[in-house]
Protein backbone atom coordinates (compact mmCIF):
# COMPACT_ATOMS: atom_id res chain seq x y z
CA UNK A 1 0.00 0.00 0.00
CA UNK A 2 1.92 3.02 -1.17
CA UNK A 3 1.07 6.64 -1.73
CA UNK A 4 2.00 8.08 -5.07
CA UNK A 5 2.85 11.75 -4.66
CA UNK A 6 5.76 14.08 -5.10
CA UNK A 7 7.19 16.24 -2.34
CA UNK A 8 9.03 18.34 -4.91
CA UNK A 9 5.79 19.52 -6.49
CA UNK A 10 3.82 19.68 -3.25
CA UNK A 11 2.54 22.96 -1.88
CA UNK A 12 1.24 22.25 1.58
CA UNK A 13 -0.89 25.40 1.56
CA UNK A 14 -2.93 23.82 -1.27
CA UNK A 15 -2.43 20.16 -0.60
CA UNK A 16 -4.11 17.93 -3.19
CA UNK A 17 -2.50 14.49 -2.88
CA UNK A 18 -2.93 11.49 -5.14
CA UNK A 19 -3.71 8.25 -3.26
CA UNK A 20 -3.20 4.82 -4.78
CA UNK A 21 -3.52 1.23 -3.60
CA UNK A 22 -0.79 0.56 -1.08
CA UNK A 23 0.17 -2.18 1.35
CA UNK A 24 1.25 0.47 3.84
CA UNK A 25 -2.18 2.03 4.28
CA UNK A 26 -4.12 1.25 7.45
CA UNK A 27 -7.04 -1.14 6.95
CA UNK A 28 -9.47 1.73 7.55
CA UNK A 29 -9.16 5.51 7.31
CA UNK A 30 -11.22 8.62 6.49
CA UNK A 31 -10.49 11.34 3.93
CA UNK A 32 -12.22 14.73 3.98
CA UNK A 33 -12.33 16.73 0.76
CA UNK A 34 -12.99 20.34 1.70
CA UNK A 35 -13.65 21.24 -1.93
CA UNK A 36 -16.30 18.54 -2.34
CA UNK A 37 -17.57 18.89 1.26
CA UNK A 38 -17.52 15.12 1.55
CA UNK A 39 -16.07 12.55 3.97
CA UNK A 40 -14.93 9.25 2.44
CA UNK A 41 -14.51 6.00 4.36
CA UNK A 42 -11.79 3.75 2.91
CA UNK A 43 -11.50 0.10 3.94
CA UNK A 44 -8.70 -2.04 2.51
CA UNK A 45 -8.02 0.54 -0.22
CA UNK A 46 -11.64 0.68 -1.34
CA UNK A 47 -14.01 3.63 -0.72
CA UNK A 48 -16.99 2.01 0.97
CA UNK A 49 -18.95 5.04 2.09
CA UNK A 50 -19.34 8.70 1.14
CA UNK A 51 -20.91 11.17 3.56
CA UNK A 52 -21.75 14.81 3.05
CA UNK A 53 -19.92 17.06 5.51
CA UNK A 54 -19.24 20.71 6.17
CA UNK A 55 -15.98 22.45 7.12
CA UNK A 56 -14.76 25.90 8.15
CA UNK A 57 -16.47 29.05 6.90
CA UNK A 58 -13.19 30.35 5.51
CA UNK A 59 -11.25 28.38 2.90
CA UNK A 60 -7.58 27.42 3.14
CA UNK A 61 -5.45 25.64 5.75
CA UNK A 62 -5.91 26.69 9.36
CA UNK A 63 -3.09 28.94 10.61
CA UNK A 64 -4.27 30.56 13.81
CA UNK A 65 -6.94 30.52 16.44
CA UNK A 66 -10.21 32.05 15.30
CA UNK A 67 -9.49 32.08 11.55
CA UNK A 68 -12.54 29.85 10.94
CA UNK A 69 -10.49 27.48 8.76
CA UNK A 70 -10.26 23.69 8.89
CA UNK A 71 -6.70 22.37 9.19
CA UNK A 72 -5.21 20.18 6.45
CA UNK A 73 -3.06 17.14 7.18
CA UNK A 74 -3.12 13.76 8.91
CA UNK A 75 -5.04 13.68 12.19
CA UNK A 76 -6.32 10.99 14.53
CA UNK A 77 -9.66 10.61 16.28
CA UNK A 78 -8.77 10.74 19.97
CA UNK A 79 -11.82 10.83 22.25
CA UNK A 80 -15.61 10.83 22.25
CA UNK A 81 -17.70 13.57 23.88
CA UNK A 82 -21.43 13.02 24.32
CA UNK A 83 -22.40 15.26 27.23
CA UNK A 84 -22.72 19.00 27.89
CA UNK A 85 -22.79 19.79 24.18
CA UNK A 86 -25.06 22.26 22.43
CA UNK A 87 -27.40 20.04 20.44
CA UNK A 88 -28.03 22.54 17.65
CA UNK A 89 -24.32 23.00 16.92
CA UNK A 90 -22.91 19.56 17.82
CA UNK A 91 -25.88 17.20 17.70
CA UNK A 92 -24.95 16.05 21.20
CA UNK A 93 -21.96 14.01 19.98
CA UNK A 94 -18.38 14.85 18.98
CA UNK A 95 -15.02 13.18 18.41
CA UNK A 96 -11.87 15.17 19.14
CA UNK A 97 -8.89 15.34 16.77
CA UNK A 98 -5.22 15.73 17.69
CA UNK A 99 -4.95 19.23 16.26
CA UNK A 100 -2.40 20.75 16.53
CA UNK A 101 -0.24 17.76 15.65
CA UNK A 102 3.58 18.03 15.93
CA UNK A 103 3.90 19.40 12.39
CA UNK A 104 1.32 22.07 13.16
CA UNK A 105 3.36 23.06 16.22
CA UNK A 106 6.52 23.31 14.10
CA UNK A 107 4.63 25.52 11.66
CA UNK A 108 3.55 27.69 14.61
CA UNK A 109 -0.14 27.11 13.99
CA UNK A 110 -2.43 28.00 16.86
CA UNK A 111 -5.92 27.08 17.92
CA UNK A 112 -7.52 23.98 19.41
CA UNK A 113 -10.81 22.10 19.67
CA UNK A 114 -10.99 20.78 16.11
CA UNK A 115 -13.62 18.05 16.19
CA UNK A 116 -15.60 15.71 14.00
CA UNK A 117 -19.15 16.24 15.27
CA UNK A 118 -22.82 16.02 14.52
CA UNK A 119 -25.32 18.81 14.09
CA UNK A 120 -28.82 19.25 15.45
CA UNK A 121 -30.03 20.78 12.19
CA UNK A 122 -29.31 19.91 8.54
CA UNK A 123 -25.75 20.87 7.63
CA UNK A 124 -24.83 23.59 5.15
CA UNK A 125 -21.61 23.85 3.15
CA UNK A 126 -18.68 25.69 4.74
CA UNK A 127 -20.55 26.38 7.95
CA UNK A 128 -18.31 25.55 10.95
CA UNK A 129 -15.68 27.43 12.92
CA UNK A 130 -13.05 24.94 11.75
CA UNK A 131 -14.46 21.54 12.70
CA UNK A 132 -15.87 18.87 10.39
CA UNK A 133 -19.60 18.39 10.91
CA UNK A 134 -21.95 15.80 9.45
CA UNK A 135 -25.63 15.14 9.98
CA UNK A 136 -26.28 13.36 13.25
CA UNK A 137 -27.87 10.22 11.78
CA UNK A 138 -24.81 9.74 9.57
CA UNK A 139 -22.43 10.36 12.50
CA UNK A 140 -24.18 7.59 14.41
CA UNK A 141 -23.64 5.32 11.40
CA UNK A 142 -20.00 6.44 11.01
CA UNK A 143 -19.20 5.73 14.65
CA UNK A 144 -19.06 1.96 14.05
CA UNK A 145 -15.94 2.55 11.92
CA UNK A 146 -14.12 4.58 14.59
CA UNK A 147 -11.49 3.15 16.92
CA UNK A 148 -10.36 5.86 19.33
CA UNK A 149 -6.69 6.90 19.10
CA UNK A 150 -6.24 4.68 16.03
CA UNK A 151 -8.54 5.84 13.23
CA UNK A 152 -6.85 8.45 11.01
CA UNK A 153 -8.75 11.30 9.42
CA UNK A 154 -6.95 12.94 6.51
CA UNK A 155 -8.15 16.45 5.69
CA UNK A 156 -7.32 17.85 2.23
CA UNK A 157 -8.40 20.71 0.03
CA UNK A 158 -9.08 17.96 -2.50
CA UNK A 159 -7.57 14.60 -3.50
CA UNK A 160 -7.42 12.06 -6.31
CA UNK A 161 -7.81 8.31 -5.87
CA UNK A 162 -5.95 6.17 -8.41
CA UNK A 163 -7.50 2.74 -8.67
CA UNK A 164 -4.43 1.23 -10.35
CA UNK A 165 -1.96 -0.53 -8.03
CA UNK A 166 1.10 1.64 -7.65
CA UNK A 167 4.39 1.23 -5.85
CA UNK A 168 6.93 3.92 -5.13
CA UNK A 169 10.38 3.74 -3.60
CA UNK A 170 9.57 6.46 -1.07
CA UNK A 171 7.48 4.40 1.32
CA UNK A 172 9.62 1.32 0.86
CA UNK A 173 12.71 3.28 1.88
CA UNK A 174 10.93 4.84 4.84
CA UNK A 175 9.70 1.41 5.96
CA UNK A 176 13.28 0.13 5.82
CA UNK A 177 14.48 3.15 7.77
CA UNK A 178 11.78 2.53 10.35
CA UNK A 179 13.02 -1.04 10.86
CA UNK A 180 16.58 0.21 11.36
CA UNK A 181 15.29 2.76 13.90
CA UNK A 182 13.50 -0.05 15.72
CA UNK A 183 16.57 -2.31 15.81
CA UNK A 184 18.77 0.55 17.03
CA UNK A 185 16.32 1.27 19.86
CA UNK A 186 16.00 -2.38 20.87
CA UNK A 187 19.79 -2.72 20.80
CA UNK A 188 20.31 0.52 22.82
CA UNK A 189 22.66 1.72 20.09
CA UNK A 190 23.87 5.31 19.80
CA UNK A 191 22.71 5.18 16.15
CA UNK A 192 19.16 5.43 17.54
CA UNK A 193 19.61 9.17 18.13
CA UNK A 194 20.56 9.99 14.54
CA UNK A 195 16.96 9.38 13.46
CA UNK A 196 15.71 12.44 15.36
CA UNK A 197 15.66 16.07 14.31
CA UNK A 198 16.76 18.82 16.74
CA UNK A 199 13.32 20.31 16.06
CA UNK A 200 11.64 17.30 17.72
CA UNK A 201 8.15 18.05 19.06
CA UNK A 202 6.58 15.95 21.82
CA UNK A 203 3.48 16.97 23.77
CA UNK A 204 3.14 20.21 21.80
CA UNK A 205 6.64 21.37 22.76
CA UNK A 206 10.13 21.18 21.27
CA UNK A 207 11.77 18.61 23.52
CA UNK A 208 14.83 17.33 21.66
CA UNK A 209 17.39 17.92 24.44
CA UNK A 210 15.09 16.51 27.13
CA UNK A 211 14.23 13.50 24.96
CA UNK A 212 17.86 12.61 24.18
CA UNK A 213 18.93 13.05 27.80
CA UNK A 214 16.07 10.88 29.05
CA UNK A 215 16.65 8.09 26.51
CA UNK A 216 20.37 7.92 27.30
CA UNK A 217 19.52 7.69 31.00
CA UNK A 218 17.11 4.81 30.34
CA UNK A 219 19.69 3.04 28.17
CA UNK A 220 22.07 3.13 31.14
CA UNK A 221 19.39 2.17 33.65
CA UNK A 222 17.94 -0.87 31.90
CA UNK A 223 20.04 -3.98 31.42
CA UNK A 224 18.01 -4.75 28.32
CA UNK A 225 15.21 -3.30 26.21
CA UNK A 226 12.74 -5.18 24.04
CA UNK A 227 10.45 -3.31 21.65
CA UNK A 228 7.77 -5.04 19.61
CA UNK A 229 5.59 -3.30 17.02
CA UNK A 230 2.49 -4.44 15.19
CA UNK A 231 0.09 -3.03 12.59
CA UNK A 232 2.52 -0.54 11.06
CA UNK A 233 0.78 1.93 8.76
CA UNK A 234 2.10 4.86 6.74
CA UNK A 235 0.20 7.94 5.63
CA UNK A 236 1.36 11.10 3.82
CA UNK A 237 0.63 14.59 5.03
CA UNK A 238 1.40 17.96 3.43
CA UNK A 239 5.20 17.74 3.20
CA UNK A 240 5.50 15.09 5.92
CA UNK A 241 4.83 11.38 6.47
CA UNK A 242 3.26 9.68 9.49
CA UNK A 243 4.12 6.16 10.59
CA UNK A 244 1.97 4.77 13.37
CA UNK A 245 1.73 1.39 15.02
CA UNK A 246 0.91 -0.57 18.13
CA UNK A 247 3.94 -0.85 20.42
CA UNK A 248 4.83 -3.11 23.33
CA UNK A 249 7.88 -1.99 25.31
CA UNK A 250 9.61 -4.19 27.89
CA UNK A 251 12.55 -3.66 30.22
CA UNK A 252 13.47 -5.38 33.51
CA UNK A 253 10.40 -5.08 35.74
CA UNK A 254 8.54 -2.82 33.28
CA UNK A 255 6.05 -3.25 30.44
CA UNK A 256 3.91 -0.75 28.54
CA UNK A 257 1.59 -0.92 25.55
CA UNK A 258 0.19 1.79 23.35
CA UNK A 259 -0.11 3.56 20.01
CA UNK A 260 2.94 5.46 18.78
CA UNK A 261 2.94 7.97 15.95
CA UNK A 262 6.13 9.20 14.33
CA UNK A 263 6.11 12.29 12.10
CA UNK A 264 8.89 12.32 9.49
CA UNK A 265 10.23 15.20 7.40
CA UNK A 266 13.23 15.64 5.17
CA UNK A 267 16.06 17.28 7.08
CA UNK A 268 19.26 17.93 5.10
CA UNK A 269 18.13 15.51 2.43
CA UNK A 270 17.17 12.60 4.69
CA UNK A 271 14.01 11.71 6.60
CA UNK A 272 14.17 12.37 10.33
CA UNK A 273 11.60 12.15 13.10
CA UNK A 274 10.35 15.63 13.92
CA UNK A 275 7.43 14.61 16.11
CA UNK A 276 6.26 11.79 18.39
CA UNK A 277 2.89 11.05 19.93
CA UNK A 278 2.14 8.25 22.38
CA UNK A 279 -1.26 7.01 23.52
CA UNK A 280 -1.49 4.26 26.19
CA UNK A 281 -3.50 1.23 25.14
CA UNK A 282 -4.29 -1.95 27.03
CA UNK A 283 -4.31 -4.64 24.36
CA UNK A 284 -4.11 -8.29 25.39
CA UNK A 285 -4.09 -9.33 21.73
CA UNK A 286 -0.90 -7.30 21.21
CA UNK A 287 0.67 -9.01 24.22
CA UNK A 288 -0.25 -12.46 22.89
CA UNK A 289 1.14 -11.56 19.47
CA UNK A 290 4.37 -10.38 21.09
CA UNK A 291 4.79 -13.64 23.02
CA UNK A 292 3.97 -15.71 19.93
CA UNK A 293 6.50 -13.82 17.78
CA UNK A 294 9.26 -13.94 20.36
CA UNK A 295 8.60 -17.66 20.95
CA UNK A 296 9.26 -18.38 17.28
CA UNK A 297 12.48 -16.35 17.45
CA UNK A 298 13.60 -18.09 20.62
CA UNK A 299 12.92 -21.56 19.19
CA UNK A 300 15.14 -20.71 16.23
CA UNK A 301 17.81 -19.36 18.60
CA UNK A 302 17.49 -22.48 20.78
CA UNK A 303 18.25 -24.75 17.84
CA UNK A 304 21.40 -22.77 17.01
CA UNK A 305 22.53 -23.07 20.65
CA UNK A 306 21.87 -26.82 20.54
CA UNK A 307 23.94 -27.21 17.35
CA UNK A 308 26.87 -25.26 18.84
CA UNK A 309 26.73 -27.50 21.90
CA UNK A 310 26.42 -30.70 19.82
CA UNK A 311 29.40 -29.70 17.66
CA UNK A 312 31.46 -28.81 20.76
CA UNK A 313 32.14 -25.41 19.17
CA UNK A 314 33.32 -23.65 22.31
CA UNK A 315 33.45 -20.06 21.05
CA UNK A 316 30.08 -20.37 19.35
CA UNK A 317 28.58 -22.08 22.38
CA UNK A 318 29.82 -19.40 24.79
CA UNK A 319 28.42 -16.62 22.56
CA UNK A 320 24.93 -17.64 23.70
CA UNK A 321 25.69 -16.73 27.33
CA UNK A 322 25.80 -13.50 29.29
CA UNK A 323 29.23 -12.77 30.89
CA UNK A 324 27.69 -13.31 34.35
CA UNK A 325 25.59 -16.31 33.36
CA UNK A 326 25.09 -19.04 35.94
CA UNK A 327 25.04 -22.71 34.88
CA UNK A 328 24.07 -24.98 37.76
CA UNK A 329 26.82 -24.25 40.33
CA UNK A 330 29.11 -22.51 37.84
CA UNK A 331 29.03 -18.78 38.73
CA UNK A 332 29.99 -17.07 35.45
CA UNK A 333 30.96 -17.45 31.81
CA UNK A 334 34.63 -18.02 32.58
CA UNK A 335 33.78 -20.93 34.85
CA UNK A 336 31.47 -22.37 32.18
CA UNK A 337 34.29 -22.11 29.64
CA UNK A 338 36.81 -23.97 31.86
CA UNK A 339 34.25 -26.67 32.65
CA UNK A 340 33.31 -27.30 29.01
CA UNK A 341 36.93 -27.30 27.87
CA UNK A 342 37.76 -30.07 30.36
CA UNK A 343 34.57 -32.00 29.69
CA UNK A 344 34.82 -31.94 25.89
CA UNK A 345 38.54 -32.77 25.96
CA UNK A 346 37.55 -36.09 27.53
CA UNK A 347 34.37 -36.78 25.61
CA UNK A 348 32.31 -34.75 23.16
CA UNK A 349 28.50 -34.74 22.81
CA UNK A 350 26.94 -37.24 20.43
CA UNK A 351 23.20 -36.58 20.64
CA UNK A 352 21.15 -33.67 22.08
CA UNK A 353 17.41 -33.27 21.60
CA UNK A 354 14.69 -31.08 23.12
CA UNK A 355 10.96 -31.76 23.49
CA UNK A 356 7.89 -30.27 25.21
CA UNK A 357 9.33 -26.75 24.92
CA UNK A 358 7.54 -23.97 26.82
CA UNK A 359 8.33 -20.26 26.47
CA UNK A 360 6.89 -17.67 28.87
CA UNK A 361 7.54 -14.14 30.08
CA UNK A 362 9.96 -13.72 32.97
CA UNK A 363 10.99 -10.66 34.98
CA UNK A 364 14.47 -11.01 33.48
CA UNK A 365 13.19 -11.57 29.94
CA UNK A 366 11.90 -15.04 29.04
CA UNK A 367 11.89 -18.45 30.71
CA UNK A 368 12.32 -21.51 28.48
CA UNK A 369 11.58 -24.99 29.84
CA UNK A 370 11.95 -28.30 28.00
CA UNK A 371 12.76 -31.99 28.30
CA UNK A 372 16.38 -32.59 27.32
CA UNK A 373 17.86 -35.90 26.13
CA UNK A 374 21.66 -36.06 26.08
CA UNK A 375 24.28 -38.63 25.09
CA UNK A 376 28.04 -38.34 24.63
CA UNK A 377 30.53 -40.31 22.56
CA UNK A 378 31.66 -42.30 25.59
CA UNK A 379 28.28 -43.97 26.15
CA UNK A 380 26.85 -41.70 28.86
CA UNK A 381 23.13 -40.85 28.59
CA UNK A 382 20.62 -38.89 30.64
CA UNK A 383 17.29 -37.06 30.47
CA UNK A 384 16.35 -34.01 32.42
CA UNK A 385 14.27 -30.86 32.74
CA UNK A 386 16.26 -27.89 31.43
CA UNK A 387 15.33 -24.34 32.40
CA UNK A 388 16.88 -21.31 30.69
CA UNK A 389 16.38 -17.69 31.69
CA UNK A 390 17.02 -15.47 28.67
CA UNK A 391 17.45 -11.75 28.35
CA UNK A 392 17.21 -9.72 25.11
CA UNK A 393 20.63 -8.64 23.85
CA UNK A 394 21.49 -6.78 20.64
CA UNK A 395 18.33 -8.04 18.95
CA UNK A 396 19.07 -11.62 20.00
CA UNK A 397 19.15 -13.52 23.32
CA UNK A 398 21.65 -14.34 26.06
CA UNK A 399 21.38 -17.03 28.72
CA UNK A 400 21.61 -15.50 32.21
CA UNK A 401 20.75 -18.67 34.12
CA UNK A 402 20.71 -22.37 33.23
CA UNK A 403 19.52 -25.18 35.47
CA UNK A 404 18.88 -28.89 34.99
CA UNK A 405 17.20 -31.67 36.98
CA UNK A 406 17.48 -35.31 36.09
CA UNK A 407 14.35 -37.21 35.13
CA UNK A 408 14.31 -40.73 36.52
CA UNK A 409 13.03 -43.73 34.59
CA UNK A 410 9.63 -43.52 36.31
CA UNK A 411 9.27 -39.95 35.01
CA UNK A 412 9.99 -38.28 38.34
CA UNK A 413 12.69 -35.69 38.87
């Protein structure tokens, strides 16, 4: 899902983008054409509903408080209000938008209270103070498509929808850059900071210095960081691009979930993040998806560890452990190294297999439990319950604790 438009020819004061089928679009979004005075509902790249609307009395992009203009750009429906509203003006129901967004703040736009709302009387064209209003019966029908803090509403002077599938390099490159940003954050790498512009806006204020200082402090504080994202979507605004997604963040003893929005602009020829927005969200499905994804990664990692062990590849084997890892009574990596050197000098492994593998969250990262069958080249065999405590490390995993209990022939430990 890619947008086909050119920044070089774009005038954000008269923004008239061309939209085309794109894998990066969210599954559902709204577009308001101020020229047509219509709101379009798009689902999976197909316009499924068209609703008459009305916008600000004065034409053009909103610049300041009281100019009676409707802003143009990418906005998100934040909250629902259905009490203490004038019925004639609002129809008793309204949905707030995140105006001013970080780009609006950078452009020094003022004003607030831009809503999508109903009306207690039939609407007329260009007849609000800057909001988007639709007839109340249609707002009630539209509400079933709205997910608070997640549904985007794109406001344009006008737009074109190209039904032909189209791919551009722009969104592909930004998606790749996003993945690198994510890996740098998860790995606590200094490269993480190069993705941000000194003009960074968070919570309606320029907060670059505070943001960098705080992130560096957290990098030092946390022994590890794990960041998981889901449902990445990309939308273009007037001379900027928005990426937004569900995010689960974990660190020792801490977990948070929410919606994150990143606002990107070209700075010195390259895209940088100029704005961030975060909205908390309790989402058990996101948590389950995180565990499922990490389990698949850990199972792949576990097999590589098993192969290094089976091949008696000492350096490779030790690379799976934290420097202060504990293995039974062995207190650290150095002790593990000495032990394995002596053990494998006498007799190397012959067969190692795992079964009944369980992967769960742990305060130190993840706990992995499984039945282990072992045999060496000298005829020794055993079976036991192996427990590994893993921590995230540089976008992989490190063993911080390893324990084993023998399983007797009757199945007891």
